[in-house]
Structure formats: structure tokens, C-alpha cells
């Protein structure tokens, strides 16, 4: 494909390319470029928000460029301070290694494994001596670092900022030096870090990388950036029904943004659907069904999407309890005098990750025991032979009591 044609494909869904003219020149002169995407394994799962930049990375792959997925196993020890109002809690090396494994596996749902080089930044950052660190730190000033919105706000409010947090963007920038990156991708919230990579490469005598920023995706709450910590995310490995149901729960105003960023539909096809909806020829509910089916089909299969759709309709339109729900066998030693606290059973079954989440679900009226809403946080259950426990709109589990 001609360089100009490549640029048109690369530009799709991007927010900014710094600098587009340099990208065209470099593709024309070099042919195959080294494309970098860095991810810190600070959590165990990739969600649809991460997929946007991964799809762009796949685009470069399909155009014949060298794609490098950088696992920030060393930078994860600090954690990216971007958008943070306080210092991140450090992760253990064991936690980072476990998260890195799942990140790589899940990224390959989008990237072609045989065409992807996977690197870990501990390969060079862990080998730097103090003299190397001082040299790196000398290429940037505290004043410029404090221009970052997150650091600036914390400084104004007299919130603590660790010196190691100042090192994070410098470490990420040095990754580009070690990798000889031609292009680095990231979300718009990463712009400061990506631009610093350009400056540090220049300081080390390398050509500055081209920076491509991608839009951030709002989560299912419709307002905040998709994030596992906020609970508004859709994971790429969630069961098909859970994934389908979460997509169906997004606000209507996000439907066409999700179509653009998360499906293979062309801009013209999305524009056509959006126009039809405004003219009343396409019901938003139908559009959302198509979106949910498209996303589930990509990560699983068309048959999985159809089954998820039917299950969703059975629960939400026909108000049926699903028949294929898992069972939890409640042992007598998990109870006290034949009773068990509702908060505890929500945690035992995995329907709530913590006691606070269980309490929140109950307060919101999101917990049902045999189709009856649980209103009392302190309620102690006296289980019979079998019951259905529901948390939220889509999570069900059958409670079966053991007798030994």
C-alpha cells in the first residue's frame, strides 16, 4: 500500500498525530517502522477501553510494520501518576508477573501473536546504575514536570508527590530510547509521557518518535473513563452473556461512539446508522443489540453472541430466571446455627468482591433471594435445599445446601 494510503488508514479514530508529515516521510523512506505500545500490568485484565489502542496497533501490523508490545514490568513498580490525585500503592513483583501474563494473553485477542514482539522494560531499566539515572534525570526540569495537570494540582493542594513519581515519565521515555521507537501509541491522557519520549530520544541522539494519541472510552456509567477500579468496565474475557449485558446497559448517547471505536464498521456505515436513528428509522434499542452482538462475536463467536442475546431477552424482557446458572454448595461450617449473613454469602459466592460492595448492592436494591429484594443489610439467611441468589441485573447463582 502506498504511504499516502497508509496514512489515511492510520488516521482513522485518532485524536492527534505528532507529526503527520514526519510519519509520511518516515514510511516513505524506511518502509517498515518500529511501533511501540507500552502497557503497565497494574491490574489483571484488559477491557474495551484498552482495545482501542490495540486495534490501532493491529492496523500497523496489517500494514507490515514492526509492532512491539512493551510490558512495563519495571515501571509498574511505580505506577503511572497520570490522572492520579495521590501516590499509587506499589505492587509486588509476584503481582506484576501474574498481571503481565494475562495482559499478554488478552492482547492477543486483537494482535497477531506471530507478528508481535513482546518486550519487558526491566530488561534495560533494571540494569541502569545510579550514574545512568542521574544522566536521564538531567534532561528534564522540575518546573516542566510540575506543568503536568496532575502534579500541578497535587502541588497546589499540598498533596505529597514522591520523587519516584517524577521518574515514571522519564522511565517511559527511556523505553523509547532503548527500543529505537519510530512511533508510540497511547490514549490522550498519555500525551505528556509520549511527548517526553520525543525529547529524551533527541537528548540521546535519536530521531524523535511520532506520537499518536487515541480517544478515551467512557465506561458503562456514561461519564467516567472506563476503569476496572471504578467498576464501569467491560472486560475482553468476561463471559459472553456478561459482555452482552454490559454493552446493552451503556447510555444511548454512547452507542455510535462504541460503534466507531470498537467495531469494524466504516465511518460511512456508522454515519448512516446514526442518521437513520435521528430520522426515526432505526430504534436505538435495535442499534444497541447490533453493537452488543458485534462485540461479543469478535471476542467469541456469532453463536455465542446469539446465545447471549437470547439469555438477555429471557431475563429482561420475559423476566425469566436463567436455567444455566452455576451452583454454590453451602457447607454447614460456613454457617452459624444454621444461618449465614447475606453479606458473607455474597462474598463467598463471588457475587461481590468485598463486604462494602455487598452492602452497596443491597442498599441499591440490587440483591434478590428467590426473586425477593433483600432490603436489610443485617439479614441472616436460613437456607433450605436450594435457592437462587441474584446480584445486579445479570449475576445469578444457585445456593445448594450440603448436609455433611
Protein backbone atom coordinates (compact mmCIF):
# COMPACT_ATOMS: atom_id res chain seq x y z
CA UNK A 1 0.00 0.00 0.00
CA UNK A 2 1.27 3.47 -0.89
CA UNK A 3 2.42 5.66 2.07
CA UNK A 4 -0.40 8.17 1.50
CA UNK A 5 -2.99 5.36 1.61
CA UNK A 6 -1.42 4.01 4.81
CA UNK A 7 -1.72 7.44 6.43
CA UNK A 8 -5.46 7.53 5.71
CA UNK A 9 -5.97 4.16 7.44
CA UNK A 10 -3.73 5.13 10.35
CA UNK A 11 -5.62 8.40 10.89
CA UNK A 12 -8.97 6.65 11.44
CA UNK A 13 -10.23 7.27 15.01
CA UNK A 14 -7.03 9.04 16.07
CA UNK A 15 -7.16 12.27 18.07
CA UNK A 16 -3.75 13.64 17.11
CA UNK A 17 -0.63 12.67 15.15
CA UNK A 18 2.57 14.50 16.08
CA UNK A 19 3.81 14.94 13.37
CA UNK A 20 1.82 13.56 10.43
CA UNK A 21 4.26 14.94 7.84
CA UNK A 22 7.16 13.19 9.59
CA UNK A 23 5.18 9.93 9.72
CA UNK A 24 4.62 10.10 5.96
CA UNK A 25 8.29 10.90 5.33
CA UNK A 26 9.48 8.05 7.54
CA UNK A 27 7.14 5.47 5.99
CA UNK A 28 8.27 6.61 2.53
CA UNK A 29 11.98 6.38 3.38
CA UNK A 30 12.09 3.37 5.73
CA UNK A 31 9.08 1.29 4.68
CA UNK A 32 8.69 -0.71 7.91
CA UNK A 33 8.62 1.29 11.16
CA UNK A 34 9.03 0.21 14.79
CA UNK A 35 5.70 0.83 16.53
CA UNK A 36 5.62 0.91 20.33
CA UNK A 37 2.74 0.43 22.74
CA UNK A 38 3.58 0.30 26.42
CA UNK A 39 1.22 -1.19 28.99
CA UNK A 40 1.78 -1.37 32.73
CA UNK A 41 0.35 -4.58 34.24
CA UNK A 42 -1.18 -2.82 37.26
CA UNK A 43 -4.42 -4.84 37.04
CA UNK A 44 -5.19 -8.36 35.88
CA UNK A 45 -7.48 -7.66 32.94
CA UNK A 46 -7.72 -5.73 29.70
CA UNK A 47 -11.04 -4.02 28.99
CA UNK A 48 -12.65 -2.49 25.91
CA UNK A 49 -11.06 0.86 26.70
CA UNK A 50 -7.62 -0.72 26.19
CA UNK A 51 -8.78 -2.34 22.95
CA UNK A 52 -8.95 0.99 21.09
CA UNK A 53 -5.19 1.47 21.02
CA UNK A 54 -4.67 -2.28 20.45
CA UNK A 55 -6.83 -2.09 17.31
CA UNK A 56 -4.63 0.75 16.07
CA UNK A 57 -1.58 -1.38 16.77
CA UNK A 58 -3.18 -4.19 14.75
CA UNK A 59 -3.72 -1.70 11.91
CA UNK A 60 0.04 -1.05 11.82
CA UNK A 61 0.61 -4.82 11.89
CA UNK A 62 -1.65 -5.35 8.89
CA UNK A 63 0.26 -2.62 7.03
CA UNK A 64 3.51 -4.54 7.51
CA UNK A 65 5.14 -2.54 10.30
CA UNK A 66 7.07 -4.00 13.25
CA UNK A 67 4.76 -3.96 16.26
CA UNK A 68 6.21 -4.12 19.77
CA UNK A 69 4.06 -4.67 22.84
CA UNK A 70 6.06 -3.40 25.79
CA UNK A 71 5.09 -4.83 29.16
CA UNK A 72 6.08 -2.27 31.78
CA UNK A 73 7.02 -4.76 34.47
CA UNK A 74 9.58 -2.29 35.88
CA UNK A 75 7.54 0.92 35.53
CA UNK A 76 4.60 -0.90 37.16
CA UNK A 77 6.60 -0.87 40.40
CA UNK A 78 6.00 2.90 40.44
CA UNK A 79 2.70 3.10 38.55
CA UNK A 80 1.68 5.81 36.12
CA UNK A 81 0.78 9.01 38.04
CA UNK A 82 -1.29 10.33 35.10
CA UNK A 83 -4.68 11.48 36.35
CA UNK A 84 -3.92 10.40 39.92
CA UNK A 85 -4.62 12.58 42.95
CA UNK A 86 -2.38 10.51 45.20
CA UNK A 87 0.59 8.17 45.05
CA UNK A 88 -0.21 4.69 43.76
CA UNK A 89 0.13 1.74 46.08
CA UNK A 90 3.17 -0.26 44.91
CA UNK A 91 2.57 -3.77 43.56
CA UNK A 92 4.70 -6.78 44.46
CA UNK A 93 6.89 -8.40 41.80
CA UNK A 94 4.67 -11.50 42.04
CA UNK A 95 1.50 -9.47 41.35
CA UNK A 96 3.14 -7.72 38.40
CA UNK A 97 4.29 -11.03 36.88
CA UNK A 98 0.80 -12.54 37.20
CA UNK A 99 -0.84 -9.47 35.63
CA UNK A 100 1.74 -9.41 32.82
CA UNK A 101 0.82 -12.97 31.82
CA UNK A 102 -2.89 -12.15 31.50
CA UNK A 103 -2.18 -8.86 29.67
CA UNK A 104 -0.16 -10.64 27.00
CA UNK A 105 -2.73 -13.42 26.58
CA UNK A 106 -5.64 -10.99 26.34
CA UNK A 107 -3.82 -8.60 23.97
CA UNK A 108 -3.53 -11.50 21.51
CA UNK A 109 -7.31 -11.49 21.16
CA UNK A 110 -6.65 -8.47 18.94
CA UNK A 111 -2.98 -8.63 17.90
CA UNK A 112 -1.49 -11.33 15.66
CA UNK A 113 0.85 -13.25 18.03
CA UNK A 114 3.37 -14.26 15.35
CA UNK A 115 3.72 -10.65 14.20
CA UNK A 116 4.05 -9.20 17.70
CA UNK A 117 7.34 -8.73 19.54
CA UNK A 118 6.83 -8.68 23.32
CA UNK A 119 9.43 -6.91 25.44
CA UNK A 120 9.71 -6.15 29.18
CA UNK A 121 11.25 -2.85 30.26
CA UNK A 122 13.03 -4.49 33.20
CA UNK A 123 15.45 -5.75 30.51
CA UNK A 124 17.09 -2.30 30.45
CA UNK A 125 15.69 -0.26 33.36
CA UNK A 126 16.75 -2.82 35.98
CA UNK A 127 20.32 -2.69 34.64
CA UNK A 128 20.75 1.08 34.91
CA UNK A 129 23.22 2.24 37.57
CA UNK A 130 22.88 5.48 39.56
CA UNK A 131 25.08 7.33 37.08
CA UNK A 132 22.70 6.30 34.27
CA UNK A 133 19.69 7.51 36.28
CA UNK A 134 21.33 10.88 37.01
CA UNK A 135 22.09 11.33 33.32
CA UNK A 136 18.47 10.59 32.40
CA UNK A 137 17.12 12.92 35.10
CA UNK A 138 19.36 15.77 33.90
CA UNK A 139 17.42 16.05 30.64
CA UNK A 140 14.26 17.43 32.28
CA UNK A 141 13.44 20.05 34.91
CA UNK A 142 11.22 20.02 37.99
CA UNK A 143 9.45 23.15 36.70
CA UNK A 144 8.46 21.40 33.46
CA UNK A 145 7.38 18.31 35.40
CA UNK A 146 5.10 20.43 37.58
CA UNK A 147 3.34 21.74 34.47
CA UNK A 148 1.52 18.40 34.32
CA UNK A 149 -2.07 18.90 35.46
CA UNK A 150 -2.00 16.03 37.94
CA UNK A 151 1.29 17.08 39.54
CA UNK A 152 0.31 20.75 39.47
CA UNK A 153 -2.99 20.14 41.27
CA UNK A 154 -1.37 17.93 43.89
CA UNK A 155 1.37 20.52 44.46
CA UNK A 156 -1.17 23.36 44.84
CA UNK A 157 -3.22 21.33 47.31
CA UNK A 158 -0.05 20.33 49.19
CA UNK A 159 -0.68 16.63 48.47
CA UNK A 160 2.53 14.59 48.64
CA UNK A 161 4.38 13.79 45.42
CA UNK A 162 7.08 11.13 45.63
CA UNK A 163 10.34 11.77 43.77
CA UNK A 164 9.95 8.30 42.24
CA UNK A 165 6.73 9.55 40.57
CA UNK A 166 8.77 12.19 38.72
CA UNK A 167 10.89 9.33 37.42
CA UNK A 168 7.94 7.50 35.88
CA UNK A 169 7.57 9.62 32.70
CA UNK A 170 11.35 9.63 32.33
CA UNK A 171 11.45 5.83 32.53
CA UNK A 172 8.66 5.55 29.96
CA UNK A 173 10.54 7.99 27.74
CA UNK A 174 13.76 5.99 28.07
CA UNK A 175 11.86 2.90 26.91
CA UNK A 176 11.57 4.60 23.52
CA UNK A 177 15.34 5.15 23.51
CA UNK A 178 16.06 1.50 24.36
CA UNK A 179 13.59 0.30 21.71
CA UNK A 180 14.56 2.83 18.98
CA UNK A 181 10.83 3.51 18.53
CA UNK A 182 9.65 5.29 15.40
CA UNK A 183 6.05 5.64 16.62
CA UNK A 184 4.45 5.42 20.07
CA UNK A 185 0.73 5.00 20.64
CA UNK A 186 -1.31 5.92 23.70
CA UNK A 187 -4.52 7.45 24.99
CA UNK A 188 -4.97 11.22 25.17
CA UNK A 189 -4.21 11.01 28.90
CA UNK A 190 -0.71 9.80 27.97
CA UNK A 191 0.23 12.80 25.81
CA UNK A 192 2.69 14.28 28.32
CA UNK A 193 4.55 10.98 28.65
CA UNK A 194 4.57 10.37 24.89
CA UNK A 195 5.92 13.84 24.11
CA UNK A 196 8.62 13.44 26.75
CA UNK A 197 9.71 10.35 24.84
CA UNK A 198 10.37 12.57 21.82
CA UNK A 199 12.53 14.91 23.89
CA UNK A 200 14.54 12.16 25.59
CA UNK A 201 15.20 10.36 22.30
CA UNK A 202 16.59 13.62 20.91
CA UNK A 203 18.80 14.03 24.01
CA UNK A 204 20.25 10.56 23.38
CA UNK A 205 20.95 11.37 19.74
CA UNK A 206 18.00 9.53 18.20
CA UNK A 207 15.29 10.78 15.82
CA UNK A 208 12.20 11.76 17.83
CA UNK A 209 9.32 9.30 17.67
CA UNK A 210 5.99 10.17 16.10
CA UNK A 211 3.24 10.35 18.73
CA UNK A 212 -0.28 9.09 18.01
CA UNK A 213 -2.98 9.65 20.63
CA UNK A 214 -6.24 7.71 20.70
CA UNK A 215 -9.57 8.72 22.29
CA UNK A 216 -10.54 7.55 25.75
CA UNK A 217 -13.67 5.44 26.10
CA UNK A 218 -16.34 6.24 28.69
CA UNK A 219 -17.44 3.27 30.73
CA UNK A 220 -20.93 1.85 31.12
CA UNK A 221 -21.78 4.68 33.54
CA UNK A 222 -21.55 7.03 30.56
CA UNK A 223 -19.41 9.66 32.26
CA UNK A 224 -16.03 8.49 33.57
CA UNK A 225 -13.19 6.85 31.65
CA UNK A 226 -13.59 3.07 31.54
CA UNK A 227 -11.69 1.69 34.51
CA UNK A 228 -11.64 -1.52 36.49
CA UNK A 229 -11.19 0.43 39.72
CA UNK A 230 -14.42 2.37 39.01
CA UNK A 231 -16.34 -0.81 38.15
CA UNK A 232 -17.60 0.70 34.87
CA UNK A 233 -15.59 -1.55 32.56
CA UNK A 234 -16.31 -4.37 30.08
CA UNK A 235 -13.52 -6.94 30.19
CA UNK A 236 -12.40 -8.66 27.00
CA UNK A 237 -12.50 -12.07 28.72
CA UNK A 238 -15.84 -11.65 30.50
CA UNK A 239 -18.38 -14.41 29.69
CA UNK A 240 -20.38 -13.68 26.50
CA UNK A 241 -23.63 -13.04 28.38
CA UNK A 242 -21.95 -10.65 30.84
CA UNK A 243 -20.24 -8.80 27.98
CA UNK A 244 -23.51 -8.60 26.00
CA UNK A 245 -25.48 -7.37 29.02
CA UNK A 246 -22.95 -4.68 29.87
CA UNK A 247 -22.96 -3.33 26.32
CA UNK A 248 -26.77 -3.23 26.45
CA UNK A 249 -26.51 -1.13 29.62
CA UNK A 250 -24.49 1.73 28.10
CA UNK A 251 -26.26 5.10 27.73
CA UNK A 252 -27.83 5.68 24.31
CA UNK A 253 -25.56 8.64 23.59
CA UNK A 254 -22.53 6.32 23.56
CA UNK A 255 -23.87 3.80 21.02
CA UNK A 256 -22.32 5.32 17.92
CA UNK A 257 -19.03 6.17 19.63
CA UNK A 258 -18.77 2.50 20.62
CA UNK A 259 -19.59 1.50 17.02
CA UNK A 260 -16.77 3.72 15.72
CA UNK A 261 -14.12 2.67 18.22
CA UNK A 262 -14.94 -0.98 18.90
CA UNK A 263 -16.29 -2.48 15.66
CA UNK A 264 -15.07 -2.96 12.10
CA UNK A 265 -17.82 -0.79 10.60
CA UNK A 266 -16.59 2.02 8.35
CA UNK A 267 -17.16 5.67 9.20
CA UNK A 268 -19.78 5.82 6.43
CA UNK A 269 -21.67 2.83 7.85
CA UNK A 270 -21.73 4.31 11.36
CA UNK A 271 -22.79 7.72 10.00
CA UNK A 272 -25.62 6.01 8.09
CA UNK A 273 -26.92 4.28 11.23
CA UNK A 274 -26.68 7.48 13.23
CA UNK A 275 -28.63 9.36 10.56
CA UNK A 276 -31.31 6.64 10.48
CA UNK A 277 -31.72 6.86 14.27
CA UNK A 278 -32.13 10.66 14.15
CA UNK A 279 -34.76 10.28 11.44
CA UNK A 280 -36.61 7.63 13.47
CA UNK A 281 -35.89 4.82 11.01
CA UNK A 282 -33.61 2.92 13.41
CA UNK A 283 -34.62 2.28 17.00
CA UNK A 284 -31.73 2.83 19.42
CA UNK A 285 -32.55 -0.46 21.13
CA UNK A 286 -32.01 -2.31 17.84
CA UNK A 287 -28.78 -0.41 17.23
CA UNK A 288 -27.55 -1.37 20.69
CA UNK A 289 -28.41 -5.04 20.05
CA UNK A 290 -26.37 -4.94 16.83
CA UNK A 291 -23.49 -3.34 18.74
CA UNK A 292 -23.58 -5.94 21.53
CA UNK A 293 -23.75 -8.82 19.03
CA UNK A 294 -20.85 -7.38 17.04
CA UNK A 295 -18.59 -7.04 20.09
CA UNK A 296 -19.38 -10.48 21.53
CA UNK A 297 -18.97 -12.09 18.07
CA UNK A 298 -15.49 -10.56 17.75
CA UNK A 299 -14.23 -11.86 21.10
CA UNK A 300 -16.09 -15.18 20.99
CA UNK A 301 -18.30 -16.25 18.04
CA UNK A 302 -21.55 -15.42 16.30
CA UNK A 303 -23.27 -18.37 18.00
CA UNK A 304 -22.06 -17.16 21.42
CA UNK A 305 -23.48 -13.71 20.65
CA UNK A 306 -26.84 -15.17 19.62
CA UNK A 307 -27.00 -17.29 22.80
CA UNK A 308 -26.11 -14.24 24.91
CA UNK A 309 -28.83 -12.23 23.18
CA UNK A 310 -31.46 -14.90 23.85
CA UNK A 311 -30.43 -15.20 27.51
CA UNK A 312 -30.59 -11.42 27.88
CA UNK A 313 -34.10 -11.32 26.42
CA UNK A 314 -35.27 -14.15 28.67
CA UNK A 315 -34.15 -12.28 31.79
CA UNK A 316 -35.01 -8.69 30.91
CA UNK A 317 -37.97 -8.97 28.56
CA UNK A 318 -39.63 -12.19 29.69
CA UNK A 319 -38.43 -11.82 33.32
CA UNK A 320 -37.27 -15.44 33.40
CA UNK A 321 -34.61 -16.83 35.71
CA UNK A 322 -31.88 -18.44 33.59
CA UNK A 323 -31.61 -22.22 33.79
CA UNK A 324 -27.87 -22.47 33.16
CA UNK A 325 -26.67 -20.64 36.28
CA UNK A 326 -23.80 -22.07 38.34
CA UNK A 327 -24.30 -23.62 41.78
CA UNK A 328 -22.58 -22.87 45.06
CA UNK A 329 -22.66 -25.70 47.60
CA UNK A 330 -23.03 -24.17 51.05
CA UNK A 331 -21.33 -26.23 53.77
CA UNK A 332 -22.58 -26.35 57.35
CA UNK A 333 -19.27 -24.98 58.69
CA UNK A 334 -19.86 -21.81 56.66
CA UNK A 335 -22.97 -21.14 58.74
CA UNK A 336 -23.60 -20.43 62.39
CA UNK A 337 -26.55 -22.23 63.96
CA UNK A 338 -27.99 -22.87 60.50
CA UNK A 339 -27.81 -19.21 59.45
CA UNK A 340 -25.48 -17.12 57.34
CA UNK A 341 -25.18 -13.34 56.91
CA UNK A 342 -26.33 -12.18 53.47
CA UNK A 343 -23.20 -10.02 53.06
CA UNK A 344 -21.00 -13.05 53.73
CA UNK A 345 -22.80 -15.28 51.25
CA UNK A 346 -22.48 -12.64 48.54
CA UNK A 347 -18.72 -12.67 49.13
CA UNK A 348 -18.45 -16.47 49.35
CA UNK A 349 -20.21 -16.90 46.02
CA UNK A 350 -18.16 -14.21 44.30
CA UNK A 351 -21.20 -12.07 43.53
CA UNK A 352 -19.49 -9.30 45.49
CA UNK A 353 -15.74 -8.77 45.73
CA UNK A 354 -15.89 -7.21 49.18
CA UNK A 355 -18.18 -6.54 52.10
CA UNK A 356 -18.51 -2.90 51.09
CA UNK A 357 -19.58 -3.88 47.57
CA UNK A 358 -22.13 -6.33 49.01
CA UNK A 359 -23.57 -3.63 51.29
CA UNK A 360 -23.75 -1.18 48.38
CA UNK A 361 -25.63 -3.70 46.23
CA UNK A 362 -28.16 -4.31 49.00
CA UNK A 363 -28.67 -0.58 49.64
CA UNK A 364 -29.31 -0.07 45.92
CA UNK A 365 -31.91 -2.85 45.87
CA UNK A 366 -29.71 -4.96 43.63
CA UNK A 367 -29.80 -8.20 45.63
CA UNK A 368 -32.60 -10.74 45.35
CA UNK A 369 -33.17 -14.01 47.22
CA UNK A 370 -35.63 -16.21 45.33
CA UNK A 371 -36.78 -13.15 43.34
CA UNK A 372 -37.49 -11.12 46.52
CA UNK A 373 -35.46 -7.94 47.05
CA UNK A 374 -33.19 -8.05 50.10
CA UNK A 375 -33.56 -4.75 51.97
CA UNK A 376 -31.83 -5.49 55.30
CA UNK A 377 -28.00 -5.42 55.29
CA UNK A 378 -28.03 -7.38 58.54
CA UNK A 379 -30.33 -10.15 57.29
CA UNK A 380 -29.25 -13.67 58.24
CA UNK A 381 -30.35 -16.36 55.78
CA UNK A 382 -31.63 -19.77 56.89
CA UNK A 383 -31.03 -21.74 53.67
CA UNK A 384 -33.26 -24.59 52.64
CA UNK A 385 -32.38 -27.14 49.96
CA UNK A 386 -31.97 -24.76 47.02
CA UNK A 387 -32.30 -21.03 46.38
CA UNK A 388 -31.45 -18.51 43.64
CA UNK A 389 -29.34 -15.53 44.67
CA UNK A 390 -29.14 -12.58 42.28
CA UNK A 391 -26.77 -9.59 42.41
CA UNK A 392 -27.31 -6.75 39.99
CA UNK A 393 -29.15 -7.36 36.76
CA UNK A 394 -27.06 -10.14 35.28
CA UNK A 395 -25.41 -12.21 38.02
CA UNK A 396 -27.18 -15.31 39.32
CA UNK A 397 -26.05 -18.26 41.39
CA UNK A 398 -27.92 -21.24 42.82
CA UNK A 399 -27.32 -21.87 46.52
CA UNK A 400 -27.42 -25.58 47.32
CA UNK A 401 -27.10 -26.66 50.93
CA UNK A 402 -24.78 -29.53 51.81
CA UNK A 403 -25.82 -31.99 54.53
CA UNK A 404 -22.44 -33.27 55.66
